[in-house]
Amino acid sequence: MTHPGNSPTGTERRSAEPGVHPPAPGQAALVMTALMIGLLLMALQLWLLTVALELYLSGAGGQVWQLALTSGAIFLGGLAILQVLRRRPEVRRVVASERGLAALLRLRGRRP
């Protein structure tokens, strides 16, 4: 039986799994902001759909295409936000060993 104080917390357990990386600093705020923007864009698209349907049923079908193009642009904006969320920043690691430092200096064209 394990003591409650000795068991790893959820974040420790998650980081111990292979292939799982901890979230980057500020990632939670970025995801929440993207979620809020996504919900706002979905609400705007629903409103555009109701306006387009009202215009179509009233006989002004020529203006519906403008609303469809606007809705398509909003959809493309949502896809762009998904691409931003899927990116992982490249992090350069500092090499602490002497051999690693010599290799780094050789790459930069200097003598160790």
N, C-alpha and C. Protein backbone atom coordinates (compact mmCIF):
# COMPACT_ATOMS: atom_id res chain seq x y z
N MET A 1 0.85 -1.18 0.00
CA MET A 1 0.00 0.00 0.00
C MET A 1 0.90 1.24 0.00
N THR A 2 0.58 2.18 -0.87
CA THR A 2 1.39 3.40 -0.95
C THR A 2 0.80 4.48 -0.07
N HIS A 3 1.67 5.25 0.47
CA HIS A 3 1.27 6.37 1.31
C HIS A 3 0.81 7.51 0.40
N PRO A 4 -0.30 8.23 0.74
CA PRO A 4 -0.78 9.31 -0.13
C PRO A 4 0.27 10.37 -0.42
N GLY A 5 1.18 10.59 0.51
CA GLY A 5 2.22 11.59 0.29
C GLY A 5 3.28 11.15 -0.71
N ASN A 6 3.41 9.83 -0.92
CA ASN A 6 4.43 9.31 -1.82
C ASN A 6 3.94 9.14 -3.25
N SER A 7 2.65 9.20 -3.47
CA SER A 7 2.15 8.99 -4.83
C SER A 7 2.37 10.25 -5.67
N PRO A 8 2.73 10.07 -6.93
CA PRO A 8 2.97 11.25 -7.77
C PRO A 8 1.67 11.97 -8.10
N THR A 9 1.77 13.26 -8.26
CA THR A 9 0.59 14.03 -8.64
C THR A 9 0.30 13.81 -10.11
N GLY A 10 -0.80 14.35 -10.58
CA GLY A 10 -1.20 14.17 -11.96
C GLY A 10 -0.17 14.68 -12.95
N THR A 11 0.45 15.84 -12.66
CA THR A 11 1.43 16.39 -13.60
C THR A 11 2.71 15.58 -13.58
N GLU A 12 3.12 15.06 -12.39
CA GLU A 12 4.31 14.24 -12.32
C GLU A 12 4.10 12.93 -13.06
N ARG A 13 2.92 12.35 -12.93
CA ARG A 13 2.62 11.10 -13.59
C ARG A 13 2.60 11.30 -15.10
N ARG A 14 2.03 12.41 -15.53
CA ARG A 14 1.94 12.70 -16.96
C ARG A 14 3.31 12.92 -17.58
N SER A 15 4.18 13.65 -16.89
CA SER A 15 5.48 13.95 -17.45
C SER A 15 6.38 12.72 -17.46
N ALA A 16 6.06 11.70 -16.65
CA ALA A 16 6.86 10.50 -16.62
C ALA A 16 6.56 9.59 -17.81
N GLU A 17 5.42 9.78 -18.47
CA GLU A 17 5.07 8.95 -19.61
C GLU A 17 5.94 9.32 -20.80
N PRO A 18 6.38 8.34 -21.57
CA PRO A 18 7.23 8.65 -22.73
C PRO A 18 6.42 9.34 -23.83
N GLY A 19 7.04 10.33 -24.45
CA GLY A 19 6.40 11.03 -25.56
C GLY A 19 5.47 12.15 -25.16
N VAL A 20 5.24 12.33 -23.88
CA VAL A 20 4.35 13.38 -23.41
C VAL A 20 5.20 14.55 -22.93
N HIS A 21 4.97 15.72 -23.49
CA HIS A 21 5.72 16.91 -23.12
C HIS A 21 4.85 17.82 -22.27
N PRO A 22 5.41 18.48 -21.29
CA PRO A 22 4.62 19.44 -20.51
C PRO A 22 4.25 20.63 -21.40
N PRO A 23 3.13 21.26 -21.14
CA PRO A 23 2.74 22.41 -21.96
C PRO A 23 3.73 23.55 -21.80
N ALA A 24 3.90 24.29 -22.88
CA ALA A 24 4.79 25.45 -22.86
C ALA A 24 4.21 26.54 -21.96
N PRO A 25 5.05 27.41 -21.42
CA PRO A 25 4.53 28.51 -20.61
C PRO A 25 3.56 29.37 -21.41
N GLY A 26 2.42 29.65 -20.85
CA GLY A 26 1.43 30.47 -21.53
C GLY A 26 0.52 29.70 -22.46
N GLN A 27 0.71 28.38 -22.57
CA GLN A 27 -0.08 27.57 -23.49
C GLN A 27 -1.55 27.53 -23.07
N ALA A 28 -1.83 27.44 -21.78
CA ALA A 28 -3.21 27.38 -21.32
C ALA A 28 -3.95 28.67 -21.65
N ALA A 29 -3.28 29.80 -21.48
CA ALA A 29 -3.92 31.08 -21.82
C ALA A 29 -4.17 31.17 -23.32
N LEU A 30 -3.25 30.67 -24.11
CA LEU A 30 -3.42 30.69 -25.56
C LEU A 30 -4.59 29.81 -25.98
N VAL A 31 -4.71 28.64 -25.38
CA VAL A 31 -5.81 27.74 -25.72
C VAL A 31 -7.15 28.34 -25.31
N MET A 32 -7.20 28.94 -24.13
CA MET A 32 -8.47 29.57 -23.68
C MET A 32 -8.85 30.74 -24.58
N THR A 33 -7.87 31.54 -24.99
CA THR A 33 -8.15 32.65 -25.90
C THR A 33 -8.66 32.13 -27.24
N ALA A 34 -8.02 31.09 -27.76
CA ALA A 34 -8.47 30.51 -29.03
C ALA A 34 -9.87 29.92 -28.90
N LEU A 35 -10.17 29.31 -27.77
CA LEU A 35 -11.51 28.76 -27.54
C LEU A 35 -12.55 29.86 -27.54
N MET A 36 -12.26 30.97 -26.86
CA MET A 36 -13.20 32.08 -26.83
C MET A 36 -13.40 32.69 -28.23
N ILE A 37 -12.31 32.83 -28.96
CA ILE A 37 -12.43 33.37 -30.32
C ILE A 37 -13.22 32.41 -31.19
N GLY A 38 -12.96 31.10 -31.03
CA GLY A 38 -13.70 30.10 -31.80
C GLY A 38 -15.19 30.14 -31.51
N LEU A 39 -15.55 30.25 -30.23
CA LEU A 39 -16.97 30.34 -29.88
C LEU A 39 -17.61 31.61 -30.43
N LEU A 40 -16.89 32.69 -30.39
CA LEU A 40 -17.39 33.94 -30.95
C LEU A 40 -17.61 33.82 -32.46
N LEU A 41 -16.66 33.19 -33.14
CA LEU A 41 -16.78 33.01 -34.59
C LEU A 41 -17.95 32.08 -34.94
N MET A 42 -18.16 31.05 -34.13
CA MET A 42 -19.30 30.16 -34.37
C MET A 42 -20.62 30.90 -34.18
N ALA A 43 -20.71 31.74 -33.16
CA ALA A 43 -21.92 32.52 -32.94
C ALA A 43 -22.15 33.49 -34.10
N LEU A 44 -21.08 34.09 -34.59
CA LEU A 44 -21.20 34.99 -35.74
C LEU A 44 -21.66 34.24 -36.98
N GLN A 45 -21.16 33.03 -37.18
CA GLN A 45 -21.60 32.24 -38.33
C GLN A 45 -23.06 31.84 -38.21
N LEU A 46 -23.52 31.52 -37.03
CA LEU A 46 -24.93 31.20 -36.83
C LEU A 46 -25.80 32.41 -37.13
N TRP A 47 -25.36 33.57 -36.69
CA TRP A 47 -26.11 34.79 -36.97
C TRP A 47 -26.13 35.06 -38.49
N LEU A 48 -24.99 34.88 -39.16
CA LEU A 48 -24.95 35.07 -40.61
C LEU A 48 -25.88 34.09 -41.33
N LEU A 49 -25.97 32.86 -40.82
CA LEU A 49 -26.86 31.87 -41.42
C LEU A 49 -28.32 32.30 -41.30
N THR A 50 -28.70 32.82 -40.14
CA THR A 50 -30.09 33.25 -39.97
C THR A 50 -30.39 34.47 -40.84
N VAL A 51 -29.45 35.39 -40.97
CA VAL A 51 -29.66 36.56 -41.82
C VAL A 51 -29.76 36.13 -43.28
N ALA A 52 -28.89 35.20 -43.70
CA ALA A 52 -28.91 34.73 -45.08
C ALA A 52 -30.22 34.01 -45.38
N LEU A 53 -30.70 33.19 -44.46
CA LEU A 53 -31.97 32.50 -44.67
C LEU A 53 -33.13 33.48 -44.74
N GLU A 54 -33.10 34.49 -43.90
CA GLU A 54 -34.16 35.51 -43.92
C GLU A 54 -34.14 36.28 -45.24
N LEU A 55 -32.96 36.64 -45.73
CA LEU A 55 -32.86 37.34 -47.01
C LEU A 55 -33.32 36.46 -48.17
N TYR A 56 -32.95 35.18 -48.13
CA TYR A 56 -33.32 34.27 -49.20
C TYR A 56 -34.84 34.08 -49.25
N LEU A 57 -35.45 33.91 -48.06
CA LEU A 57 -36.89 33.71 -48.03
C LEU A 57 -37.68 34.97 -48.37
N SER A 58 -37.06 36.14 -48.18
CA SER A 58 -37.75 37.39 -48.52
C SER A 58 -37.60 37.75 -50.00
N GLY A 59 -36.79 36.97 -50.74
CA GLY A 59 -36.65 37.22 -52.16
C GLY A 59 -35.40 37.98 -52.55
N ALA A 60 -34.56 38.35 -51.62
CA ALA A 60 -33.32 39.07 -51.91
C ALA A 60 -32.16 38.09 -51.92
N GLY A 61 -32.20 37.12 -52.84
CA GLY A 61 -31.20 36.07 -52.88
C GLY A 61 -29.83 36.52 -53.35
N GLY A 62 -29.73 37.68 -54.02
CA GLY A 62 -28.44 38.15 -54.52
C GLY A 62 -27.47 38.52 -53.41
N GLN A 63 -27.98 38.95 -52.27
CA GLN A 63 -27.12 39.34 -51.16
C GLN A 63 -26.65 38.15 -50.32
N VAL A 64 -27.23 36.98 -50.57
CA VAL A 64 -26.87 35.80 -49.79
C VAL A 64 -25.43 35.38 -50.09
N TRP A 65 -24.96 35.61 -51.33
CA TRP A 65 -23.60 35.20 -51.69
C TRP A 65 -22.54 35.97 -50.90
N GLN A 66 -22.82 37.23 -50.63
CA GLN A 66 -21.87 38.00 -49.83
C GLN A 66 -21.76 37.42 -48.42
N LEU A 67 -22.89 37.03 -47.88
CA LEU A 67 -22.87 36.43 -46.54
C LEU A 67 -22.18 35.07 -46.56
N ALA A 68 -22.36 34.30 -47.65
CA ALA A 68 -21.70 33.00 -47.75
C ALA A 68 -20.19 33.18 -47.83
N LEU A 69 -19.72 34.17 -48.58
CA LEU A 69 -18.28 34.44 -48.65
C LEU A 69 -17.72 34.88 -47.31
N THR A 70 -18.47 35.70 -46.59
CA THR A 70 -18.04 36.13 -45.26
C THR A 70 -17.95 34.94 -44.31
N SER A 71 -18.94 34.06 -44.39
CA SER A 71 -18.94 32.86 -43.55
C SER A 71 -17.75 31.96 -43.91
N GLY A 72 -17.43 31.85 -45.18
CA GLY A 72 -16.27 31.06 -45.60
C GLY A 72 -14.97 31.66 -45.09
N ALA A 73 -14.87 32.98 -45.09
CA ALA A 73 -13.67 33.64 -44.56
C ALA A 73 -13.52 33.38 -43.06
N ILE A 74 -14.64 33.37 -42.35
CA ILE A 74 -14.61 33.07 -40.91
C ILE A 74 -14.15 31.63 -40.69
N PHE A 75 -14.63 30.71 -41.53
CA PHE A 75 -14.22 29.32 -41.42
C PHE A 75 -12.71 29.19 -41.64
N LEU A 76 -12.18 29.87 -42.64
CA LEU A 76 -10.73 29.83 -42.90
C LEU A 76 -9.94 30.43 -41.73
N GLY A 77 -10.50 31.46 -41.10
CA GLY A 77 -9.86 32.02 -39.90
C GLY A 77 -9.81 31.02 -38.77
N GLY A 78 -10.86 30.23 -38.61
CA GLY A 78 -10.86 29.17 -37.60
C GLY A 78 -9.81 28.11 -37.88
N LEU A 79 -9.64 27.76 -39.16
CA LEU A 79 -8.60 26.80 -39.52
C LEU A 79 -7.21 27.36 -39.23
N ALA A 80 -7.03 28.66 -39.47
CA ALA A 80 -5.74 29.29 -39.18
C ALA A 80 -5.44 29.25 -37.68
N ILE A 81 -6.46 29.45 -36.86
CA ILE A 81 -6.28 29.39 -35.41
C ILE A 81 -5.87 27.97 -35.00
N LEU A 82 -6.47 26.96 -35.62
CA LEU A 82 -6.08 25.58 -35.32
C LEU A 82 -4.62 25.33 -35.67
N GLN A 83 -4.16 25.86 -36.77
CA GLN A 83 -2.76 25.70 -37.15
C GLN A 83 -1.83 26.36 -36.13
N VAL A 84 -2.21 27.52 -35.63
CA VAL A 84 -1.40 28.21 -34.63
C VAL A 84 -1.34 27.38 -33.34
N LEU A 85 -2.44 26.76 -32.97
CA LEU A 85 -2.46 25.96 -31.74
C LEU A 85 -1.64 24.68 -31.87
N ARG A 86 -1.52 24.14 -33.06
CA ARG A 86 -0.79 22.89 -33.24
C ARG A 86 0.71 23.08 -33.34
N ARG A 87 1.17 24.30 -33.54
CA ARG A 87 2.62 24.55 -33.62
C ARG A 87 3.26 24.32 -32.27
N ARG A 88 4.47 23.80 -32.30
CA ARG A 88 5.27 23.68 -31.08
C ARG A 88 6.51 24.51 -31.27
N PRO A 89 6.81 25.40 -30.34
CA PRO A 89 8.00 26.23 -30.49
C PRO A 89 9.27 25.38 -30.40
N GLU A 90 10.26 25.77 -31.18
CA GLU A 90 11.54 25.07 -31.14
C GLU A 90 12.36 25.65 -30.00
N VAL A 91 12.83 24.78 -29.14
CA VAL A 91 13.59 25.20 -27.96
C VAL A 91 15.01 24.71 -28.13
N ARG A 92 15.97 25.63 -28.01
CA ARG A 92 17.37 25.25 -28.07
C ARG A 92 17.84 24.89 -26.67
N ARG A 93 18.52 23.79 -26.59
CA ARG A 93 19.04 23.33 -25.30
C ARG A 93 20.49 23.76 -25.14
N VAL A 94 20.87 24.14 -23.93
CA VAL A 94 22.25 24.51 -23.64
C VAL A 94 23.02 23.24 -23.30
N VAL A 95 24.16 23.07 -23.93
CA VAL A 95 24.98 21.89 -23.72
C VAL A 95 25.93 22.17 -22.56
N ALA A 96 25.93 21.30 -21.56
CA ALA A 96 26.75 21.53 -20.39
C ALA A 96 28.08 20.79 -20.44
N SER A 97 28.18 19.75 -21.25
CA SER A 97 29.42 18.97 -21.25
C SER A 97 30.49 19.64 -22.10
N GLU A 98 31.75 19.33 -21.80
CA GLU A 98 32.87 19.91 -22.54
C GLU A 98 32.88 19.42 -23.98
N ARG A 99 32.59 18.14 -24.18
CA ARG A 99 32.56 17.58 -25.53
C ARG A 99 31.45 18.23 -26.36
N GLY A 100 30.31 18.44 -25.73
CA GLY A 100 29.21 19.09 -26.42
C GLY A 100 29.53 20.53 -26.77
N LEU A 101 30.23 21.21 -25.87
CA LEU A 101 30.64 22.60 -26.12
C LEU A 101 31.63 22.67 -27.27
N ALA A 102 32.57 21.71 -27.33
CA ALA A 102 33.53 21.67 -28.43
C ALA A 102 32.82 21.44 -29.75
N ALA A 103 31.83 20.55 -29.76
CA ALA A 103 31.08 20.29 -30.99
C ALA A 103 30.31 21.52 -31.41
N LEU A 104 29.75 22.24 -30.46
CA LEU A 104 29.01 23.46 -30.76
C LEU A 104 29.93 24.52 -31.36
N LEU A 105 31.13 24.67 -30.80
CA LEU A 105 32.07 25.64 -31.32
C LEU A 105 32.55 25.26 -32.71
N ARG A 106 32.73 23.96 -32.97
CA ARG A 106 33.12 23.53 -34.32
C ARG A 106 32.05 23.87 -35.33
N LEU A 107 30.80 23.73 -34.94
CA LEU A 107 29.69 24.08 -35.83
C LEU A 107 29.70 25.57 -36.17
N ARG A 108 30.12 26.36 -35.25
CA ARG A 108 30.15 27.81 -35.48
C ARG A 108 31.45 28.27 -36.12
N GLY A 109 32.38 27.34 -36.37
CA GLY A 109 33.63 27.68 -37.04
C GLY A 109 34.70 28.23 -36.14
N ARG A 110 34.63 28.00 -34.85
CA ARG A 110 35.64 28.47 -33.92
C ARG A 110 36.40 27.29 -33.35
N ARG A 111 37.56 27.56 -32.81
CA ARG A 111 38.37 26.54 -32.17
C ARG A 111 38.04 26.51 -30.67
N PRO A 112 37.94 25.31 -30.06
CA PRO A 112 37.67 25.25 -28.62
C PRO A 112 38.84 25.68 -27.77
